[in-house]
C-alpha atoms as a PDB file:
ATOM      1  CA  MET A   1     -11.381 -16.808  12.010  1.00  0.00           C
ATOM      2  CA  ALA A   2     -12.814 -14.090   8.897  1.00  0.00           C
ATOM      3  CA  GLY A   3     -14.365 -11.510  11.693  1.00  0.00           C
ATOM      4  CA  LYS A   4     -13.518 -10.448  14.881  1.00  0.00           C
ATOM      5  CA  ILE A   5     -16.146  -7.989  17.425  1.00  0.00           C
ATOM      6  CA  VAL A   6     -15.127  -6.111  19.957  1.00  0.00           C
ATOM      7  CA  ILE A   7     -18.103  -5.160  22.493  1.00  0.00           C
ATOM      8  CA  ASN A   8     -17.342  -2.393  25.038  1.00  0.00           C
ATOM      9  CA  SER A   9     -18.516  -4.172  28.114  1.00  0.00           C
ATOM     10  CA  GLU A  10     -19.195  -0.810  29.952  1.00  0.00           C
ATOM     11  CA  ARG A  11     -21.855   0.631  28.390  1.00  0.00           C
ATOM     12  CA  CYS A  12     -23.513  -2.359  27.217  1.00  0.00           C
ATOM     13  CA  LYS A  13     -26.764  -2.581  28.581  1.00  0.00           C
ATOM     14  CA  GLY A  14     -27.202  -6.012  27.743  1.00  0.00           C
ATOM     15  CA  CYS A  15     -30.502  -5.595  25.880  1.00  0.00           C
ATOM     16  CA  GLY A  16     -29.547  -9.021  23.986  1.00  0.00           C
ATOM     17  CA  LEU A  17     -30.646  -7.962  20.041  1.00  0.00           C
ATOM     18  CA  CYS A  18     -26.939  -8.383  19.289  1.00  0.00           C
ATOM     19  CA  VAL A  19     -27.262 -12.344  20.763  1.00  0.00           C
ATOM     20  CA  VAL A  20     -30.226 -12.769  18.582  1.00  0.00           C
ATOM     21  CA  VAL A  21     -28.973 -11.945  15.061  1.00  0.00           C
ATOM     22  CA  CYS A  22     -26.065 -13.524  15.423  1.00  0.00           C
ATOM     23  CA  PRO A  23     -25.764 -16.025  12.808  1.00  0.00           C
ATOM     24  CA  ARG A  24     -23.080 -17.956  14.348  1.00  0.00           C
ATOM     25  CA  LYS A  25     -24.590 -17.799  17.640  1.00  0.00           C
ATOM     26  CA  THR A  26     -20.957 -16.733  18.838  1.00  0.00           C
ATOM     27  CA  ILE A  27     -22.429 -13.855  20.932  1.00  0.00           C
ATOM     28  CA  VAL A  28     -23.555 -14.091  24.856  1.00  0.00           C
ATOM     29  CA  ILE A  29     -24.648 -12.378  27.863  1.00  0.00           C
ATOM     30  CA  SER A  30     -21.926 -11.787  30.328  1.00  0.00           C
ATOM     31  CA  GLY A  31     -22.730 -13.787  34.300  1.00  0.00           C
ATOM     32  CA  ILE A  32     -20.568 -10.780  35.399  1.00  0.00           C
ATOM     33  CA  SER A  33     -22.243  -7.430  35.817  1.00  0.00           C
ATOM     34  CA  ASN A  34     -20.603  -4.298  34.170  1.00  0.00           C
ATOM     35  CA  LYS A  35     -20.037  -0.707  37.171  1.00  0.00           C
ATOM     36  CA  ASN A  36     -23.504   0.081  35.884  1.00  0.00           C
ATOM     37  CA  GLY A  37     -25.261  -3.424  36.991  1.00  0.00           C
ATOM     38  CA  TYR A  38     -26.245  -4.383  33.687  1.00  0.00           C
ATOM     39  CA  PHE A  39     -24.609  -8.429  32.750  1.00  0.00           C
ATOM     40  CA  PRO A  40     -22.491  -6.861  28.985  1.00  0.00           C
ATOM     41  CA  ALA A  41     -22.749  -9.258  26.128  1.00  0.00           C
ATOM     42  CA  GLN A  42     -19.333 -11.156  25.419  1.00  0.00           C
ATOM     43  CA  THR A  43     -17.785 -12.991  22.583  1.00  0.00           C
ATOM     44  CA  ASP A  44     -14.946 -15.353  21.958  1.00  0.00           C
ATOM     45  CA  ASN A  45     -15.041 -14.387  18.346  1.00  0.00           C
ATOM     46  CA  GLY A  46     -14.435 -17.948  17.611  1.00  0.00           C
ATOM     47  CA  ASP A  47     -16.656 -18.139  14.478  1.00  0.00           C
ATOM     48  CA  CYS A  48     -17.593 -14.800  13.800  1.00  0.00           C
ATOM     49  CA  THR A  49     -17.909 -14.425   9.700  1.00  0.00           C
ATOM     50  CA  GLY A  50     -17.849 -10.465  10.651  1.00  0.00           C
ATOM     51  CA  CYS A  51     -21.298  -9.777   8.998  1.00  0.00           C
ATOM     52  CA  ALA A  52     -21.240  -7.309  11.206  1.00  0.00           C
ATOM     53  CA  ALA A  53     -25.354  -7.771  12.119  1.00  0.00           C
ATOM     54  CA  CYS A  54     -24.276  -7.510  15.661  1.00  0.00           C
ATOM     55  CA  ALA A  55     -23.692  -3.730  15.376  1.00  0.00           C
ATOM     56  CA  VAL A  56     -26.352  -2.549  12.824  1.00  0.00           C
ATOM     57  CA  VAL A  57     -28.845  -4.074  15.659  1.00  0.00           C
ATOM     58  CA  CYS A  58     -27.267  -2.556  18.774  1.00  0.00           C
ATOM     59  CA  PRO A  59     -29.322   0.489  19.654  1.00  0.00           C
ATOM     60  CA  GLU A  60     -25.878   2.200  21.724  1.00  0.00           C
ATOM     61  CA  ALA A  61     -23.422   1.614  18.822  1.00  0.00           C
ATOM     62  CA  ILE A  62     -20.970   0.250  20.873  1.00  0.00           C
ATOM     63  CA  ILE A  63     -19.805  -2.621  18.603  1.00  0.00           C
ATOM     64  CA  GLU A  64     -16.761  -2.753  16.324  1.00  0.00           C
ATOM     65  CA  VAL A  65     -16.438  -5.396  13.288  1.00  0.00           C
ATOM     66  CA  LEU A  66     -13.239  -6.173  11.987  1.00  0.00           C
ATOM     67  CA  ARG A  67     -12.687  -8.179   9.342  1.00  0.00           C
ATOM     68  CA  GLU A  68      -9.699 -10.221   7.624  1.00  0.00           C
ATOM     69  CA  GLY A  69      -9.337 -10.051   4.096  1.00  0.00           C
ATOM     70  CA  SER A  70      -6.043 -10.211   1.708  1.00  0.00           C
ATOM     71  CA  GLY A  71      -3.804 -10.898   4.477  1.00  0.00           C
ATOM     72  CA  ARG A  72      -4.700  -7.021   6.457  1.00  0.00           C
ATOM     73  CA  VAL A  73      -7.508  -6.740   8.683  1.00  0.00           C
ATOM     74  CA  ILE A  74     -10.029  -3.802   7.917  1.00  0.00           C
ATOM     75  CA  VAL A  75     -12.457  -2.017  10.700  1.00  0.00           C
ATOM     76  CA  ALA A  76     -16.200  -2.160   8.718  1.00  0.00           C
ATOM     77  CA  ILE A  77     -17.715  -0.372  11.168  1.00  0.00           C
ATOM     78  CA  GLU A  78     -16.558   1.535  14.149  1.00  0.00           C
ATOM     79  CA  PRO A  79     -18.854   2.954  16.099  1.00  0.00           C
ATOM     80  CA  GLY A  80     -19.570   6.502  16.788  1.00  0.00           C
ATOM     81  CA  LYS A  81     -18.020   6.941  12.870  1.00  0.00           C
ATOM     82  CA  GLU A  82     -21.243   7.976  11.536  1.00  0.00           C
ATOM     83  CA  LYS A  83     -21.775   9.690   8.492  1.00  0.00           C
ATOM     84  CA  LYS A  84     -23.669  13.293   8.826  1.00  0.00           C
ATOM     85  CA  PRO A  85     -26.533  12.516   6.074  1.00  0.00           C
ATOM     86  CA  THR A  86     -26.986  14.167   3.079  1.00  0.00           C
ATOM     87  CA  LEU A  87     -29.769  15.348   1.191  1.00  0.00           C
ATOM     88  CA  THR A  88     -30.707  14.210  -2.298  1.00  0.00           C
ATOM     89  CA  LYS A  89     -31.649  16.855  -5.702  1.00  0.00           C
ATOM     90  CA  GLU A  90     -34.598  16.418  -6.740  1.00  0.00           C
ATOM     91  CA  LYS A  91     -35.523  17.387 -10.552  1.00  0.00           C
ATOM     92  CA  ALA A  92     -38.925  19.893 -10.253  1.00  0.00           C
END
């Protein structure tokens, strides 16, 4: 396993975008609803590569991506840790 994703199932609305973009088809929609009545996405992480396509496309930003590399696990994408946009200086 080169990667792992963690989905916050209580905040997931089950839109299915992550299911569509997963290249290994490891994400599915659960048959059990969460406390809000939505059927969230879930995974077994069996063939996850850690590509982060699911986290990029998630409109709720609730998918955390972990990657294995050189004997340690690094956080590739973490929900809620967005960088502030910066303006580039233009030549006048």
